[in-house]
Amino acid sequence: MPVSVETLTEPSQQDRIDLAKIFADAPAWLLAPHRDAAALIEAGLADQSLIAGRFNDRLLGAALLQRGGPHWRLSHLCVRKLTRRRGVGRRILEECQRLAREEGMALHLAAPQQQLEAQALAARAHLPLDHI
């Protein structure tokens, strides 16, 4: 599945619909500290940290990529339930790693403490885990 990854700065109406569907499937802990999916999406658009995976003109997964500081932080990675287990999340993660490397930065995964899913992802990707 050739998934392109891009930073969203001016999403189309369809992109906004897709983003809402992506984060509608997210567990509540993944949205923190935002009050809901809409707040997370707006915050990511406002600070240009929203990165998404696109296939056939539709967004299938998204995350926040905070650039700057001593290292970059990837957080809130979520893939639409319908398309999970097809490499979309891995493609987003790999692209974030590539972008960070190009800038000479380390990439960390950021998630709330005690989230086993985040701990497992960090271990598989060989990324440090920052608690948020």
Protein backbone atom coordinates (compact mmCIF):
# COMPACT_ATOMS: atom_id res chain seq x y z
CA MET A 1 0.00 0.00 0.00
CA PRO A 2 1.83 3.18 -1.16
CA VAL A 3 0.97 5.68 1.55
CA SER A 4 2.28 9.22 1.18
CA VAL A 5 2.94 11.18 4.35
CA GLU A 6 2.49 14.93 4.56
CA THR A 7 2.23 17.76 7.03
CA LEU A 8 -1.28 19.20 6.83
CA THR A 9 -1.41 22.97 6.73
CA GLU A 10 -4.54 23.68 4.69
CA PRO A 11 -6.75 20.59 4.79
CA SER A 12 -9.64 20.23 2.40
CA GLN A 13 -13.15 19.61 3.66
CA GLN A 14 -12.66 15.91 2.86
CA ASP A 15 -9.39 15.91 4.82
CA ARG A 16 -11.24 17.31 7.84
CA ILE A 17 -13.88 14.59 7.52
CA ASP A 18 -11.15 11.95 7.28
CA LEU A 19 -9.32 13.36 10.32
CA ALA A 20 -12.52 13.25 12.35
CA LYS A 21 -12.99 9.59 11.36
CA ILE A 22 -9.37 8.75 12.24
CA PHE A 23 -9.54 10.19 15.74
CA ALA A 24 -13.14 9.02 16.34
CA ASP A 25 -11.64 5.54 16.69
CA ALA A 26 -8.99 6.70 19.18
CA PRO A 27 -9.12 5.63 22.81
CA ALA A 28 -9.70 8.51 25.25
CA TRP A 29 -6.13 8.33 26.62
CA LEU A 30 -4.74 9.02 23.16
CA LEU A 31 -6.53 12.37 22.91
CA ALA A 32 -5.12 13.79 26.17
CA PRO A 33 -4.45 16.56 27.00
CA HIS A 34 -7.00 17.73 24.41
CA ARG A 35 -10.66 17.67 25.42
CA ASP A 36 -11.70 15.78 22.28
CA ALA A 37 -10.68 14.82 18.75
CA ALA A 38 -11.75 18.16 17.26
CA ALA A 39 -9.55 20.07 19.73
CA LEU A 40 -6.57 17.81 18.94
CA ILE A 41 -7.04 18.35 15.19
CA GLU A 42 -7.36 22.14 15.55
CA ALA A 43 -4.28 22.32 17.80
CA GLY A 44 -2.27 20.28 15.30
CA LEU A 45 -3.34 22.50 12.43
CA ALA A 46 -2.67 25.68 14.39
CA ASP A 47 0.93 24.78 15.20
CA GLN A 48 1.50 22.85 11.93
CA SER A 49 2.36 19.64 13.77
CA LEU A 50 -0.39 17.51 12.20
CA ILE A 51 1.13 14.88 9.94
CA ALA A 52 -1.01 12.38 8.03
CA GLY A 53 -0.83 9.32 5.82
CA ARG A 54 -2.74 9.51 2.55
CA PHE A 55 -3.77 6.73 0.16
CA ASN A 56 -5.93 7.33 -2.93
CA ASP A 57 -6.65 10.93 -1.86
CA ARG A 58 -7.98 9.88 1.55
CA LEU A 59 -6.34 10.29 4.94
CA LEU A 60 -6.04 6.98 6.77
CA GLY A 61 -3.86 7.88 9.75
CA ALA A 62 -2.49 10.92 11.53
CA ALA A 63 -0.25 12.04 14.37
CA LEU A 64 1.31 15.12 15.90
CA LEU A 65 5.00 15.73 15.16
CA GLN A 66 6.54 18.38 17.41
CA ARG A 67 9.69 19.70 15.79
CA GLY A 68 12.24 21.63 17.82
CA GLY A 69 13.80 21.40 21.21
CA PRO A 70 16.49 18.86 21.99
CA HIS A 71 14.61 16.21 19.97
CA TRP A 72 11.43 15.77 17.94
CA ARG A 73 8.38 14.12 19.52
CA LEU A 74 5.78 11.98 17.76
CA SER A 75 2.48 11.67 19.61
CA HIS A 76 -1.20 10.90 19.12
CA LEU A 77 -0.52 8.38 16.31
CA CYS A 78 -3.85 6.91 15.22
CA VAL A 79 -5.03 4.96 12.18
CA ARG A 80 -8.65 4.48 11.10
CA LYS A 81 -10.00 1.26 12.48
CA LEU A 82 -10.96 0.05 8.99
CA THR A 83 -7.38 0.28 7.73
CA ARG A 84 -5.35 -0.86 10.73
CA ARG A 85 -2.72 -3.58 10.37
CA ARG A 86 -1.87 -2.52 6.80
CA GLY A 87 1.26 -0.49 7.46
CA VAL A 88 -0.21 3.03 7.59
CA GLY A 89 1.02 3.74 11.11
CA ARG A 90 4.42 2.22 10.33
CA ARG A 91 4.71 4.42 7.23
CA ILE A 92 3.93 7.57 9.24
CA LEU A 93 6.45 6.55 11.90
CA GLU A 94 9.16 5.77 9.34
CA GLU A 95 8.64 9.09 7.56
CA CYS A 96 8.89 10.98 10.86
CA GLN A 97 12.13 9.13 11.61
CA ARG A 98 13.47 10.05 8.17
CA LEU A 99 12.54 13.72 8.53
CA ALA A 100 14.14 13.92 11.98
CA ARG A 101 17.33 12.24 10.73
CA GLU A 102 17.55 14.69 7.82
CA GLU A 103 17.51 17.55 10.33
CA GLY A 104 20.05 15.84 12.59
CA MET A 105 17.47 15.32 15.31
CA ALA A 106 16.49 12.29 17.38
CA LEU A 107 12.85 11.21 17.36
CA HIS A 108 11.06 10.26 20.57
CA LEU A 109 7.61 8.78 20.97
CA ALA A 110 5.44 10.68 23.46
CA ALA A 111 2.50 9.11 25.29
CA PRO A 112 0.84 9.08 28.70
CA GLN A 113 2.63 6.98 31.30
CA GLN A 114 1.44 3.39 31.80
CA GLN A 115 0.07 2.96 28.27
CA LEU A 116 1.22 -0.50 27.23
CA GLU A 117 0.40 0.07 23.56
CA ALA A 118 2.72 3.10 23.43
CA GLN A 119 5.45 1.25 25.32
CA ALA A 120 5.23 -1.64 22.84
CA LEU A 121 5.36 0.69 19.83
CA ALA A 122 8.39 2.52 21.24
CA ALA A 123 10.17 -0.79 21.83
CA ARG A 124 9.40 -2.12 18.31
CA ALA A 125 10.57 1.13 16.73
CA HIS A 126 13.62 1.43 19.03
CA LEU A 127 12.49 4.91 20.10
CA PRO A 128 12.82 6.54 23.51
CA LEU A 129 9.42 7.07 25.17
CA ASP A 130 8.66 10.47 26.72
CA HIS A 131 5.71 10.65 29.09
CA ILE A 132 3.17 13.41 28.56
